[in-house]
Amino acid sequence: MKYCRYVLWAALFTIHCSLFTASAQSRSEWRDSLEVLNAQIGKDPQNLHLHLLKAEANINLEQWDYALAEYGKILHTDEKNLAALYFRAYVHNQQRHYDLARVDYEAFLRLQPTHFEARLGLAHVLQKMGRKTDTFDELNRLVQMFPDSADAYAARAAFETEQKQYDVALYDWDEAIRRKPLQSGYVVSKADILISLYRMDEAREVLNAAIKRGIPRYALKEWLDKCKK
């Protein structure tokens, strides 16, 4: 079920990356940007926007401790700075400081309780901390708050799959597929469960239906081949 575990958080990390609008820069360009930002901060050390930009550069250079220092400075001045809270949680997660990431996500969500990415991030952190009940609670809350979101159902389905709660996982994969019928990751995650349960005919039906909807056969070939074994 490795593919399922990947699906659980793939959307989260894609979201994080997409929030850095200039992430296509090379490392050399990020170092140049950092040099410019350091000079600007030297002239205007109270400018929180400059500190946010510097932290962004630090993250793209994987300078986690420097990014944390910047977010700490920002939050010392403005404890309700949403960007600093959100991305500090992300940095803590990268450093596997899950308890600290949880604190920041929860502080963020007290200010913005309907923020999808932060709720998914919190669920991820709780899962990493081994807090299964809390993870389920957060994923249930995510689905309740975002009933039209395929990603919400997929996140819960993947965690249910990991916990071997296959019946409810199959239901949630169906709900995710219904909302995003051309998302091949959801289809193969459902097929993966059926194959693991030796329900090959059902798995084949799921895959063939996906092909009829427009998902390329080559994207499903690995799972079609498993159905033949």
C-alpha atoms as a PDB file:
ATOM      1  CA  MET A   1       0.000   0.000   0.000  1.00  0.00           C
ATOM      2  CA  LYS A   2       2.946   2.347  -0.471  1.00  0.00           C
ATOM      3  CA  TYR A   3       1.150   4.173  -3.264  1.00  0.00           C
ATOM      4  CA  CYS A   4      -1.746   4.904  -0.918  1.00  0.00           C
ATOM      5  CA  ARG A   5       0.538   6.412   1.687  1.00  0.00           C
ATOM      6  CA  TYR A   6       2.015   8.607  -1.023  1.00  0.00           C
ATOM      7  CA  VAL A   7      -1.423   9.803  -2.120  1.00  0.00           C
ATOM      8  CA  LEU A   8      -2.304  10.780   1.447  1.00  0.00           C
ATOM      9  CA  TRP A   9       0.084  13.679   1.580  1.00  0.00           C
ATOM     10  CA  ALA A  10       1.090  14.323  -2.026  1.00  0.00           C
ATOM     11  CA  ALA A  11      -1.523  17.051  -2.350  1.00  0.00           C
ATOM     12  CA  LEU A  12      -0.278  18.758   0.808  1.00  0.00           C
ATOM     13  CA  PHE A  13       3.318  19.037  -0.382  1.00  0.00           C
ATOM     14  CA  THR A  14       2.191  20.178  -3.836  1.00  0.00           C
ATOM     15  CA  ILE A  15       0.203  22.929  -2.159  1.00  0.00           C
ATOM     16  CA  HIS A  16       3.164  23.990  -0.051  1.00  0.00           C
ATOM     17  CA  CYS A  17       5.424  24.192  -3.081  1.00  0.00           C
ATOM     18  CA  SER A  18       2.888  26.108  -5.153  1.00  0.00           C
ATOM     19  CA  LEU A  19       2.654  28.797  -2.479  1.00  0.00           C
ATOM     20  CA  PHE A  20       6.213  29.832  -3.242  1.00  0.00           C
ATOM     21  CA  THR A  21       5.526  31.801  -6.403  1.00  0.00           C
ATOM     22  CA  ALA A  22       9.127  32.055  -7.527  1.00  0.00           C
ATOM     23  CA  SER A  23      10.137  28.498  -6.724  1.00  0.00           C
ATOM     24  CA  ALA A  24      11.381  27.961 -10.292  1.00  0.00           C
ATOM     25  CA  GLN A  25      14.530  29.927  -9.438  1.00  0.00           C
ATOM     26  CA  SER A  26      17.806  28.040  -9.318  1.00  0.00           C
ATOM     27  CA  ARG A  27      19.777  27.707  -6.082  1.00  0.00           C
ATOM     28  CA  SER A  28      22.215  30.266  -7.405  1.00  0.00           C
ATOM     29  CA  GLU A  29      19.371  32.712  -8.038  1.00  0.00           C
ATOM     30  CA  TRP A  30      17.978  32.090  -4.575  1.00  0.00           C
ATOM     31  CA  ARG A  31      21.407  32.822  -3.067  1.00  0.00           C
ATOM     32  CA  ASP A  32      21.523  36.067  -5.044  1.00  0.00           C
ATOM     33  CA  SER A  33      18.037  36.944  -3.809  1.00  0.00           C
ATOM     34  CA  LEU A  34      19.098  36.203  -0.262  1.00  0.00           C
ATOM     35  CA  GLU A  35      22.078  38.534  -0.566  1.00  0.00           C
ATOM     36  CA  VAL A  36      19.826  41.344  -1.790  1.00  0.00           C
ATOM     37  CA  LEU A  37      17.277  40.711   0.967  1.00  0.00           C
ATOM     38  CA  ASN A  38      19.951  40.729   3.674  1.00  0.00           C
ATOM     39  CA  ALA A  39      21.095  44.124   2.433  1.00  0.00           C
ATOM     40  CA  GLN A  40      17.530  45.456   2.420  1.00  0.00           C
ATOM     41  CA  ILE A  41      16.849  44.122   5.909  1.00  0.00           C
ATOM     42  CA  GLY A  42      20.018  45.798   7.109  1.00  0.00           C
ATOM     43  CA  LYS A  43      18.516  49.137   6.046  1.00  0.00           C
ATOM     44  CA  ASP A  44      14.974  48.361   7.240  1.00  0.00           C
ATOM     45  CA  PRO A  45      15.166  45.716  10.002  1.00  0.00           C
ATOM     46  CA  GLN A  46      11.554  46.183  11.141  1.00  0.00           C
ATOM     47  CA  ASN A  47      10.074  45.379   7.744  1.00  0.00           C
ATOM     48  CA  LEU A  48       8.213  42.110   8.319  1.00  0.00           C
ATOM     49  CA  HIS A  49       7.561  41.593   4.615  1.00  0.00           C
ATOM     50  CA  LEU A  50      11.301  41.509   3.959  1.00  0.00           C
ATOM     51  CA  HIS A  51      11.742  38.936   6.710  1.00  0.00           C
ATOM     52  CA  LEU A  52       9.022  36.798   5.129  1.00  0.00           C
ATOM     53  CA  LEU A  53      10.778  36.988   1.765  1.00  0.00           C
ATOM     54  CA  LYS A  54      14.091  36.079   3.387  1.00  0.00           C
ATOM     55  CA  ALA A  55      12.495  33.078   5.103  1.00  0.00           C
ATOM     56  CA  GLU A  56      11.098  31.987   1.737  1.00  0.00           C
ATOM     57  CA  ALA A  57      14.592  32.114   0.261  1.00  0.00           C
ATOM     58  CA  ASN A  58      15.940  30.173   3.241  1.00  0.00           C
ATOM     59  CA  ILE A  59      13.316  27.469   2.695  1.00  0.00           C
ATOM     60  CA  ASN A  60      14.122  27.143  -0.988  1.00  0.00           C
ATOM     61  CA  LEU A  61      17.780  26.756  -0.035  1.00  0.00           C
ATOM     62  CA  GLU A  62      16.774  24.244   2.672  1.00  0.00           C
ATOM     63  CA  GLN A  63      18.245  26.508   5.328  1.00  0.00           C
ATOM     64  CA  TRP A  64      15.667  25.428   7.870  1.00  0.00           C
ATOM     65  CA  ASP A  65      17.207  26.971  10.985  1.00  0.00           C
ATOM     66  CA  TYR A  66      17.590  30.343   9.313  1.00  0.00           C
ATOM     67  CA  ALA A  67      13.968  30.219   8.165  1.00  0.00           C
ATOM     68  CA  LEU A  68      12.864  29.412  11.717  1.00  0.00           C
ATOM     69  CA  ALA A  69      14.838  32.369  13.017  1.00  0.00           C
ATOM     70  CA  GLU A  70      13.089  34.691  10.559  1.00  0.00           C
ATOM     71  CA  TYR A  71       9.640  33.410  11.451  1.00  0.00           C
ATOM     72  CA  GLY A  72      10.522  33.748  15.128  1.00  0.00           C
ATOM     73  CA  LYS A  73      11.411  37.412  14.622  1.00  0.00           C
ATOM     74  CA  ILE A  74       8.156  38.037  12.764  1.00  0.00           C
ATOM     75  CA  LEU A  75       5.998  36.304  15.377  1.00  0.00           C
ATOM     76  CA  HIS A  76       7.772  38.121  18.204  1.00  0.00           C
ATOM     77  CA  THR A  77       6.472  41.355  16.657  1.00  0.00           C
ATOM     78  CA  ASP A  78       3.191  40.018  15.269  1.00  0.00           C
ATOM     79  CA  GLU A  79       2.074  36.831  17.028  1.00  0.00           C
ATOM     80  CA  LYS A  80      -0.925  36.512  14.703  1.00  0.00           C
ATOM     81  CA  ASN A  81       1.031  36.650  11.464  1.00  0.00           C
ATOM     82  CA  LEU A  82      -0.648  33.878   9.483  1.00  0.00           C
ATOM     83  CA  ALA A  83       2.083  33.408   6.890  1.00  0.00           C
ATOM     84  CA  ALA A  84       4.755  33.048   9.561  1.00  0.00           C
ATOM     85  CA  LEU A  85       2.694  30.560  11.576  1.00  0.00           C
ATOM     86  CA  TYR A  86       1.805  28.465   8.549  1.00  0.00           C
ATOM     87  CA  PHE A  87       5.266  28.222   7.080  1.00  0.00           C
ATOM     88  CA  ARG A  88       6.985  27.793  10.430  1.00  0.00           C
ATOM     89  CA  ALA A  89       4.749  24.754  10.896  1.00  0.00           C
ATOM     90  CA  TYR A  90       5.921  23.555   7.482  1.00  0.00           C
ATOM     91  CA  VAL A  91       9.580  24.013   8.453  1.00  0.00           C
ATOM     92  CA  HIS A  92       9.080  22.199  11.761  1.00  0.00           C
ATOM     93  CA  ASN A  93       7.516  19.370   9.775  1.00  0.00           C
ATOM     94  CA  GLN A  94      10.522  19.229   7.459  1.00  0.00           C
ATOM     95  CA  GLN A  95      12.760  18.955  10.523  1.00  0.00           C
ATOM     96  CA  ARG A  96      10.482  16.272  11.990  1.00  0.00           C
ATOM     97  CA  HIS A  97       9.703  18.461  14.976  1.00  0.00           C
ATOM     98  CA  TYR A  98       6.103  17.349  14.839  1.00  0.00           C
ATOM     99  CA  ASP A  99       5.119  18.584  18.293  1.00  0.00           C
ATOM    100  CA  LEU A 100       6.196  22.108  17.372  1.00  0.00           C
ATOM    101  CA  ALA A 101       4.507  21.893  13.980  1.00  0.00           C
ATOM    102  CA  ARG A 102       1.301  20.900  15.715  1.00  0.00           C
ATOM    103  CA  VAL A 103       1.446  23.948  17.993  1.00  0.00           C
ATOM    104  CA  ASP A 104       1.839  26.277  15.010  1.00  0.00           C
ATOM    105  CA  TYR A 105      -0.893  24.649  12.944  1.00  0.00           C
ATOM    106  CA  GLU A 106      -3.285  24.824  15.881  1.00  0.00           C
ATOM    107  CA  ALA A 107      -2.425  28.492  16.486  1.00  0.00           C
ATOM    108  CA  PHE A 108      -3.016  29.194  12.797  1.00  0.00           C
ATOM    109  CA  LEU A 109      -6.348  27.356  12.807  1.00  0.00           C
ATOM    110  CA  ARG A 110      -7.586  29.298  15.808  1.00  0.00           C
ATOM    111  CA  LEU A 111      -7.302  32.356  13.568  1.00  0.00           C
ATOM    112  CA  GLN A 112      -8.356  30.693  10.297  1.00  0.00           C
ATOM    113  CA  PRO A 113     -10.427  27.616  11.215  1.00  0.00           C
ATOM    114  CA  THR A 114     -11.581  26.896   7.642  1.00  0.00           C
ATOM    115  CA  HIS A 115      -8.127  26.796   6.032  1.00  0.00           C
ATOM    116  CA  PHE A 116      -7.986  23.496   4.120  1.00  0.00           C
ATOM    117  CA  GLU A 117      -4.215  23.184   3.762  1.00  0.00           C
ATOM    118  CA  ALA A 118      -3.545  23.911   7.437  1.00  0.00           C
ATOM    119  CA  ARG A 119      -6.099  21.302   8.524  1.00  0.00           C
ATOM    120  CA  LEU A 120      -4.531  18.746   6.189  1.00  0.00           C
ATOM    121  CA  GLY A 121      -1.119  19.732   7.530  1.00  0.00           C
ATOM    122  CA  LEU A 122      -2.285  19.232  11.093  1.00  0.00           C
ATOM    123  CA  ALA A 123      -3.684  15.799  10.222  1.00  0.00           C
ATOM    124  CA  HIS A 124      -0.331  14.892   8.674  1.00  0.00           C
ATOM    125  CA  VAL A 125       1.535  15.959  11.793  1.00  0.00           C
ATOM    126  CA  LEU A 126      -0.825  14.053  14.078  1.00  0.00           C
ATOM    127  CA  GLN A 127      -0.334  10.957  11.945  1.00  0.00           C
ATOM    128  CA  LYS A 128       3.450  11.328  12.178  1.00  0.00           C
ATOM    129  CA  MET A 129       3.120  11.635  15.963  1.00  0.00           C
ATOM    130  CA  GLY A 130       1.256   8.317  16.057  1.00  0.00           C
ATOM    131  CA  ARG A 131      -1.939   9.929  17.336  1.00  0.00           C
ATOM    132  CA  LYS A 132      -4.380   7.784  15.387  1.00  0.00           C
ATOM    133  CA  THR A 133      -7.598   8.925  17.068  1.00  0.00           C
ATOM    134  CA  ASP A 134      -6.672  12.588  16.724  1.00  0.00           C
ATOM    135  CA  THR A 135      -5.735  12.024  13.085  1.00  0.00           C
ATOM    136  CA  PHE A 136      -9.095  10.432  12.359  1.00  0.00           C
ATOM    137  CA  ASP A 137     -10.867  13.269  14.166  1.00  0.00           C
ATOM    138  CA  GLU A 138      -9.036  15.862  12.084  1.00  0.00           C
ATOM    139  CA  LEU A 139      -9.670  14.038   8.810  1.00  0.00           C
ATOM    140  CA  ASN A 140     -13.350  13.636   9.697  1.00  0.00           C
ATOM    141  CA  ARG A 141     -13.497  17.344  10.428  1.00  0.00           C
ATOM    142  CA  LEU A 142     -11.827  18.048   7.089  1.00  0.00           C
ATOM    143  CA  VAL A 143     -14.480  16.073   5.211  1.00  0.00           C
ATOM    144  CA  GLN A 144     -17.282  17.716   7.178  1.00  0.00           C
ATOM    145  CA  MET A 145     -15.943  21.189   6.478  1.00  0.00           C
ATOM    146  CA  PHE A 146     -15.132  20.515   2.818  1.00  0.00           C
ATOM    147  CA  PRO A 147     -17.735  17.984   1.614  1.00  0.00           C
ATOM    148  CA  ASP A 148     -17.086  18.822  -2.046  1.00  0.00           C
ATOM    149  CA  SER A 149     -13.334  18.269  -1.817  1.00  0.00           C
ATOM    150  CA  ALA A 150     -11.969  15.125  -3.446  1.00  0.00           C
ATOM    151  CA  ASP A 151      -8.672  15.683  -1.643  1.00  0.00           C
ATOM    152  CA  ALA A 152     -10.416  15.594   1.744  1.00  0.00           C
ATOM    153  CA  TYR A 153     -11.978  12.214   1.002  1.00  0.00           C
ATOM    154  CA  ALA A 154      -8.710  10.937  -0.468  1.00  0.00           C
ATOM    155  CA  ALA A 155      -6.732  11.955   2.605  1.00  0.00           C
ATOM    156  CA  ARG A 156      -9.159  10.134   4.879  1.00  0.00           C
ATOM    157  CA  ALA A 157      -9.287   7.130   2.554  1.00  0.00           C
ATOM    158  CA  ALA A 158      -5.522   6.809   2.500  1.00  0.00           C
ATOM    159  CA  PHE A 159      -5.279   6.916   6.268  1.00  0.00           C
ATOM    160  CA  GLU A 160      -8.090   4.364   6.576  1.00  0.00           C
ATOM    161  CA  THR A 161      -6.214   2.168   4.111  1.00  0.00           C
ATOM    162  CA  GLU A 162      -3.061   2.464   6.171  1.00  0.00           C
ATOM    163  CA  GLN A 163      -5.055   1.376   9.213  1.00  0.00           C
ATOM    164  CA  LYS A 164      -6.476  -1.564   7.184  1.00  0.00           C
ATOM    165  CA  GLN A 165     -10.022  -0.273   7.531  1.00  0.00           C
ATOM    166  CA  TYR A 166     -10.748  -1.316   3.986  1.00  0.00           C
ATOM    167  CA  ASP A 167     -14.535  -1.077   3.860  1.00  0.00           C
ATOM    168  CA  VAL A 168     -14.674   2.576   4.847  1.00  0.00           C
ATOM    169  CA  ALA A 169     -11.583   3.309   2.759  1.00  0.00           C
ATOM    170  CA  LEU A 170     -13.273   1.927  -0.360  1.00  0.00           C
ATOM    171  CA  TYR A 171     -16.268   4.174   0.324  1.00  0.00           C
ATOM    172  CA  ASP A 172     -14.050   7.238   0.638  1.00  0.00           C
ATOM    173  CA  TRP A 173     -12.065   6.380  -2.490  1.00  0.00           C
ATOM    174  CA  ASP A 174     -15.388   6.162  -4.324  1.00  0.00           C
ATOM    175  CA  GLU A 175     -16.338   9.614  -3.025  1.00  0.00           C
ATOM    176  CA  ALA A 176     -12.974  11.027  -4.089  1.00  0.00           C
ATOM    177  CA  ILE A 177     -13.264   9.438  -7.543  1.00  0.00           C
ATOM    178  CA  ARG A 178     -16.808  10.764  -7.944  1.00  0.00           C
ATOM    179  CA  ARG A 179     -15.503  14.278  -7.417  1.00  0.00           C
ATOM    180  CA  LYS A 180     -12.356  13.861  -9.532  1.00  0.00           C
ATOM    181  CA  PRO A 181     -13.095  11.013 -11.960  1.00  0.00           C
ATOM    182  CA  LEU A 182      -9.915  11.553 -13.987  1.00  0.00           C
ATOM    183  CA  GLN A 183      -7.531  11.442 -11.025  1.00  0.00           C
ATOM    184  CA  SER A 184      -5.627   8.227 -11.694  1.00  0.00           C
ATOM    185  CA  GLY A 185      -4.068   8.206  -8.218  1.00  0.00           C
ATOM    186  CA  TYR A 186      -7.463   7.743  -6.617  1.00  0.00           C
ATOM    187  CA  VAL A 187      -8.398   4.960  -9.019  1.00  0.00           C
ATOM    188  CA  VAL A 188      -5.260   2.918  -8.470  1.00  0.00           C
ATOM    189  CA  SER A 189      -5.490   3.418  -4.716  1.00  0.00           C
ATOM    190  CA  LYS A 190      -8.949   1.828  -4.745  1.00  0.00           C
ATOM    191  CA  ALA A 191      -7.785  -0.912  -7.109  1.00  0.00           C
ATOM    192  CA  ASP A 192      -4.788  -1.548  -4.857  1.00  0.00           C
ATOM    193  CA  ILE A 193      -7.087  -2.363  -1.953  1.00  0.00           C
ATOM    194  CA  LEU A 194      -9.236  -4.697  -4.026  1.00  0.00           C
ATOM    195  CA  ILE A 195      -6.178  -6.489  -5.381  1.00  0.00           C
ATOM    196  CA  SER A 196      -4.770  -6.911  -1.865  1.00  0.00           C
ATOM    197  CA  LEU A 197      -8.102  -8.512  -0.898  1.00  0.00           C
ATOM    198  CA  TYR A 198      -7.906 -10.812  -3.974  1.00  0.00           C
ATOM    199  CA  ARG A 199     -11.039  -9.218  -5.427  1.00  0.00           C
ATOM    200  CA  MET A 200      -9.483  -9.176  -8.870  1.00  0.00           C
ATOM    201  CA  ASP A 201     -12.703  -8.967 -10.888  1.00  0.00           C
ATOM    202  CA  GLU A 202     -13.819  -5.882  -8.970  1.00  0.00           C
ATOM    203  CA  ALA A 203     -10.412  -4.282  -9.348  1.00  0.00           C
ATOM    204  CA  ARG A 204     -10.479  -4.906 -13.084  1.00  0.00           C
ATOM    205  CA  GLU A 205     -13.946  -3.334 -13.311  1.00  0.00           C
ATOM    206  CA  VAL A 206     -12.720  -0.223 -11.492  1.00  0.00           C
ATOM    207  CA  LEU A 207      -9.734   0.106 -13.824  1.00  0.00           C
ATOM    208  CA  ASN A 208     -11.704  -0.506 -17.018  1.00  0.00           C
ATOM    209  CA  ALA A 209     -14.347   2.030 -15.959  1.00  0.00           C
ATOM    210  CA  ALA A 210     -11.572   4.574 -15.416  1.00  0.00           C
ATOM    211  CA  ILE A 211     -10.212   3.917 -18.912  1.00  0.00           C
ATOM    212  CA  LYS A 212     -13.686   4.476 -20.371  1.00  0.00           C
ATOM    213  CA  ARG A 213     -13.860   7.803 -18.520  1.00  0.00           C
ATOM    214  CA  GLY A 214     -10.641   8.917 -20.212  1.00  0.00           C
ATOM    215  CA  ILE A 215      -7.737   7.874 -17.978  1.00  0.00           C
ATOM    216  CA  PRO A 216      -4.950   6.528 -20.245  1.00  0.00           C
ATOM    217  CA  ARG A 217      -4.494   2.755 -20.103  1.00  0.00           C
ATOM    218  CA  TYR A 218      -0.723   3.141 -19.631  1.00  0.00           C
ATOM    219  CA  ALA A 219      -1.332   5.002 -16.352  1.00  0.00           C
ATOM    220  CA  LEU A 220      -3.139   1.928 -15.012  1.00  0.00           C
ATOM    221  CA  LYS A 221      -1.039  -0.805 -16.652  1.00  0.00           C
ATOM    222  CA  GLU A 222       0.750  -1.902 -13.472  1.00  0.00           C
ATOM    223  CA  TRP A 223      -2.567  -2.569 -11.745  1.00  0.00           C
ATOM    224  CA  LEU A 224      -4.166  -4.174 -14.800  1.00  0.00           C
ATOM    225  CA  ASP A 225      -1.222  -6.560 -14.911  1.00  0.00           C
ATOM    226  CA  LYS A 226      -1.682  -7.395 -11.220  1.00  0.00           C
ATOM    227  CA  CYS A 227      -5.287  -8.384 -11.933  1.00  0.00           C
ATOM    228  CA  LYS A 228      -4.030 -11.078 -14.318  1.00  0.00           C
ATOM    229  CA  LYS A 229      -1.900 -12.811 -11.726  1.00  0.00           C
END
